[in-house]
Amino acid sequence: MLLDTWLSEWGVTLGITALMALMVFIVWDLARRNNAGRYGTFILFIALAMGLLGFAIKGAIQYLMEGGGL
């Protein structure tokens, strides 16, 4: 039971992290292939960063609620 919990927790965390890295590459490639320019690339990465920031905040809140501080 302990191994299952540990594996699912870390598997999801590492899987989502790998997926986010893939999304960064996809957005960069999309901007490059479509000649988005500096401003267009910036907007694309801001939209992606908002999603990544939401995931990071979720992890921090989870840590605080499960025994870190609150």
N, C-alpha and C. Protein backbone atom coordinates (compact mmCIF):
# COMPACT_ATOMS: atom_id res chain seq x y z
N MET A 1 0.83 -1.20 0.00
CA MET A 1 0.00 0.00 0.00
C MET A 1 0.87 1.26 0.00
N LEU A 2 1.94 1.23 0.76
CA LEU A 2 2.81 2.39 0.84
C LEU A 2 3.50 2.67 -0.51
N LEU A 3 3.96 1.61 -1.16
CA LEU A 3 4.61 1.76 -2.46
C LEU A 3 3.63 2.30 -3.50
N ASP A 4 2.41 1.82 -3.45
CA ASP A 4 1.39 2.28 -4.39
C ASP A 4 1.12 3.78 -4.23
N THR A 5 1.01 4.23 -3.01
CA THR A 5 0.77 5.65 -2.74
C THR A 5 1.94 6.50 -3.21
N TRP A 6 3.15 6.05 -2.87
CA TRP A 6 4.35 6.79 -3.26
C TRP A 6 4.49 6.85 -4.78
N LEU A 7 4.27 5.72 -5.43
CA LEU A 7 4.42 5.65 -6.88
C LEU A 7 3.39 6.51 -7.60
N SER A 8 2.16 6.48 -7.12
CA SER A 8 1.13 7.29 -7.78
C SER A 8 1.37 8.77 -7.56
N GLU A 9 1.81 9.15 -6.38
CA GLU A 9 2.08 10.57 -6.10
C GLU A 9 3.24 11.09 -6.95
N TRP A 10 4.35 10.37 -6.95
CA TRP A 10 5.51 10.82 -7.72
C TRP A 10 5.32 10.62 -9.22
N GLY A 11 4.61 9.59 -9.58
CA GLY A 11 4.35 9.35 -11.00
C GLY A 11 3.54 10.48 -11.62
N VAL A 12 2.52 10.92 -10.90
CA VAL A 12 1.70 12.02 -11.40
C VAL A 12 2.52 13.30 -11.45
N THR A 13 3.28 13.56 -10.39
CA THR A 13 4.08 14.79 -10.35
C THR A 13 5.11 14.81 -11.48
N LEU A 14 5.84 13.72 -11.66
CA LEU A 14 6.85 13.69 -12.72
C LEU A 14 6.21 13.66 -14.11
N GLY A 15 5.08 12.97 -14.24
CA GLY A 15 4.38 12.93 -15.51
C GLY A 15 3.87 14.29 -15.94
N ILE A 16 3.28 15.02 -15.01
CA ILE A 16 2.78 16.36 -15.32
C ILE A 16 3.93 17.30 -15.63
N THR A 17 5.04 17.16 -14.91
CA THR A 17 6.22 17.99 -15.18
C THR A 17 6.75 17.73 -16.59
N ALA A 18 6.83 16.47 -16.98
CA ALA A 18 7.28 16.13 -18.33
C ALA A 18 6.31 16.66 -19.37
N LEU A 19 5.04 16.59 -19.08
CA LEU A 19 4.03 17.11 -20.00
C LEU A 19 4.16 18.62 -20.15
N MET A 20 4.45 19.31 -19.07
CA MET A 20 4.64 20.76 -19.14
C MET A 20 5.88 21.12 -19.97
N ALA A 21 6.95 20.36 -19.80
CA ALA A 21 8.15 20.60 -20.61
C ALA A 21 7.84 20.38 -22.09
N LEU A 22 7.04 19.38 -22.39
CA LEU A 22 6.64 19.14 -23.77
C LEU A 22 5.79 20.30 -24.29
N MET A 23 4.92 20.83 -23.45
CA MET A 23 4.08 21.96 -23.88
C MET A 23 4.93 23.21 -24.17
N VAL A 24 5.98 23.43 -23.39
CA VAL A 24 6.88 24.56 -23.66
C VAL A 24 7.51 24.40 -25.03
N PHE A 25 7.97 23.20 -25.35
CA PHE A 25 8.56 22.96 -26.66
C PHE A 25 7.52 23.16 -27.77
N ILE A 26 6.31 22.67 -27.56
CA ILE A 26 5.26 22.80 -28.57
C ILE A 26 4.93 24.27 -28.83
N VAL A 27 4.81 25.06 -27.77
CA VAL A 27 4.49 26.49 -27.93
C VAL A 27 5.64 27.20 -28.64
N TRP A 28 6.88 26.88 -28.27
CA TRP A 28 8.03 27.50 -28.92
C TRP A 28 8.06 27.14 -30.40
N ASP A 29 7.82 25.88 -30.72
CA ASP A 29 7.82 25.44 -32.11
C ASP A 29 6.66 26.08 -32.89
N LEU A 30 5.50 26.20 -32.26
CA LEU A 30 4.35 26.84 -32.89
C LEU A 30 4.65 28.31 -33.22
N ALA A 31 5.25 29.01 -32.28
CA ALA A 31 5.59 30.42 -32.51
C ALA A 31 6.64 30.56 -33.61
N ARG A 32 7.62 29.67 -33.61
CA ARG A 32 8.69 29.74 -34.61
C ARG A 32 8.18 29.44 -36.01
N ARG A 33 7.36 28.40 -36.14
CA ARG A 33 6.87 28.00 -37.47
C ARG A 33 5.90 29.01 -38.07
N ASN A 34 5.15 29.72 -37.22
CA ASN A 34 4.16 30.67 -37.71
C ASN A 34 4.65 32.11 -37.70
N ASN A 35 5.94 32.30 -37.48
CA ASN A 35 6.53 33.65 -37.47
C ASN A 35 5.73 34.60 -36.59
N ALA A 36 5.52 34.19 -35.34
CA ALA A 36 4.69 34.97 -34.42
C ALA A 36 5.35 36.28 -34.01
N GLY A 37 6.63 36.39 -34.14
CA GLY A 37 7.31 37.60 -33.71
C GLY A 37 7.51 37.60 -32.20
N ARG A 38 8.15 38.66 -31.74
CA ARG A 38 8.44 38.73 -30.31
C ARG A 38 7.19 38.86 -29.46
N TYR A 39 6.31 39.75 -29.86
CA TYR A 39 5.11 40.00 -29.07
C TYR A 39 4.18 38.78 -29.06
N GLY A 40 3.99 38.16 -30.19
CA GLY A 40 3.13 36.98 -30.27
C GLY A 40 3.69 35.82 -29.46
N THR A 41 5.01 35.62 -29.53
CA THR A 41 5.65 34.57 -28.75
C THR A 41 5.51 34.86 -27.26
N PHE A 42 5.67 36.12 -26.90
CA PHE A 42 5.52 36.52 -25.50
C PHE A 42 4.11 36.21 -24.99
N ILE A 43 3.10 36.53 -25.77
CA ILE A 43 1.72 36.27 -25.37
C ILE A 43 1.47 34.77 -25.23
N LEU A 44 2.00 33.98 -26.17
CA LEU A 44 1.84 32.53 -26.09
C LEU A 44 2.47 31.97 -24.81
N PHE A 45 3.66 32.45 -24.49
CA PHE A 45 4.33 31.95 -23.29
C PHE A 45 3.69 32.47 -22.01
N ILE A 46 3.11 33.65 -22.03
CA ILE A 46 2.38 34.15 -20.86
C ILE A 46 1.17 33.26 -20.59
N ALA A 47 0.45 32.88 -21.62
CA ALA A 47 -0.71 32.01 -21.45
C ALA A 47 -0.27 30.64 -20.89
N LEU A 48 0.82 30.11 -21.40
CA LEU A 48 1.33 28.84 -20.89
C LEU A 48 1.82 28.99 -19.46
N ALA A 49 2.50 30.08 -19.15
CA ALA A 49 3.03 30.30 -17.80
C ALA A 49 1.91 30.40 -16.76
N MET A 50 0.77 30.93 -17.16
CA MET A 50 -0.35 31.02 -16.21
C MET A 50 -0.80 29.61 -15.80
N GLY A 51 -0.84 28.69 -16.73
CA GLY A 51 -1.19 27.31 -16.41
C GLY A 51 -0.14 26.64 -15.54
N LEU A 52 1.13 26.86 -15.86
CA LEU A 52 2.22 26.28 -15.07
C LEU A 52 2.23 26.85 -13.65
N LEU A 53 1.96 28.14 -13.54
CA LEU A 53 1.92 28.78 -12.23
C LEU A 53 0.76 28.22 -11.40
N GLY A 54 -0.36 27.97 -12.03
CA GLY A 54 -1.49 27.38 -11.33
C GLY A 54 -1.15 26.00 -10.78
N PHE A 55 -0.41 25.21 -11.53
CA PHE A 55 0.01 23.89 -11.06
C PHE A 55 0.96 24.01 -9.88
N ALA A 56 1.89 24.96 -9.95
CA ALA A 56 2.84 25.16 -8.86
C ALA A 56 2.14 25.64 -7.59
N ILE A 57 1.18 26.54 -7.75
CA ILE A 57 0.43 27.04 -6.59
C ILE A 57 -0.38 25.92 -5.97
N LYS A 58 -0.97 25.06 -6.81
CA LYS A 58 -1.73 23.91 -6.29
C LYS A 58 -0.83 23.02 -5.44
N GLY A 59 0.37 22.78 -5.89
CA GLY A 59 1.30 21.95 -5.12
C GLY A 59 1.68 22.59 -3.80
N ALA A 60 1.89 23.90 -3.80
CA ALA A 60 2.24 24.60 -2.57
C ALA A 60 1.07 24.58 -1.58
N ILE A 61 -0.13 24.79 -2.06
CA ILE A 61 -1.30 24.77 -1.18
C ILE A 61 -1.50 23.36 -0.62
N GLN A 62 -1.30 22.36 -1.45
CA GLN A 62 -1.43 20.97 -1.00
C GLN A 62 -0.42 20.67 0.09
N TYR A 63 0.81 21.12 -0.09
CA TYR A 63 1.85 20.90 0.91
C TYR A 63 1.49 21.57 2.23
N LEU A 64 1.02 22.79 2.16
CA LEU A 64 0.67 23.52 3.37
C LEU A 64 -0.51 22.88 4.11
N MET A 65 -1.49 22.39 3.37
CA MET A 65 -2.67 21.81 4.00
C MET A 65 -2.41 20.41 4.56
N GLU A 66 -1.49 19.68 3.97
CA GLU A 66 -1.26 18.30 4.41
C GLU A 66 -0.30 18.17 5.58
N GLY A 67 0.29 19.24 6.01
CA GLY A 67 1.16 19.10 7.18
C GLY A 67 2.31 20.07 7.20
N GLY A 68 2.42 20.91 6.20
CA GLY A 68 3.52 21.85 6.16
C GLY A 68 3.34 23.05 7.06
N GLY A 69 2.11 23.50 7.24
CA GLY A 69 1.95 24.72 8.00
C GLY A 69 0.54 25.03 8.46
N LEU A 70 -0.42 24.75 7.64
CA LEU A 70 -1.80 25.14 8.03
C LEU A 70 -2.53 24.03 8.71
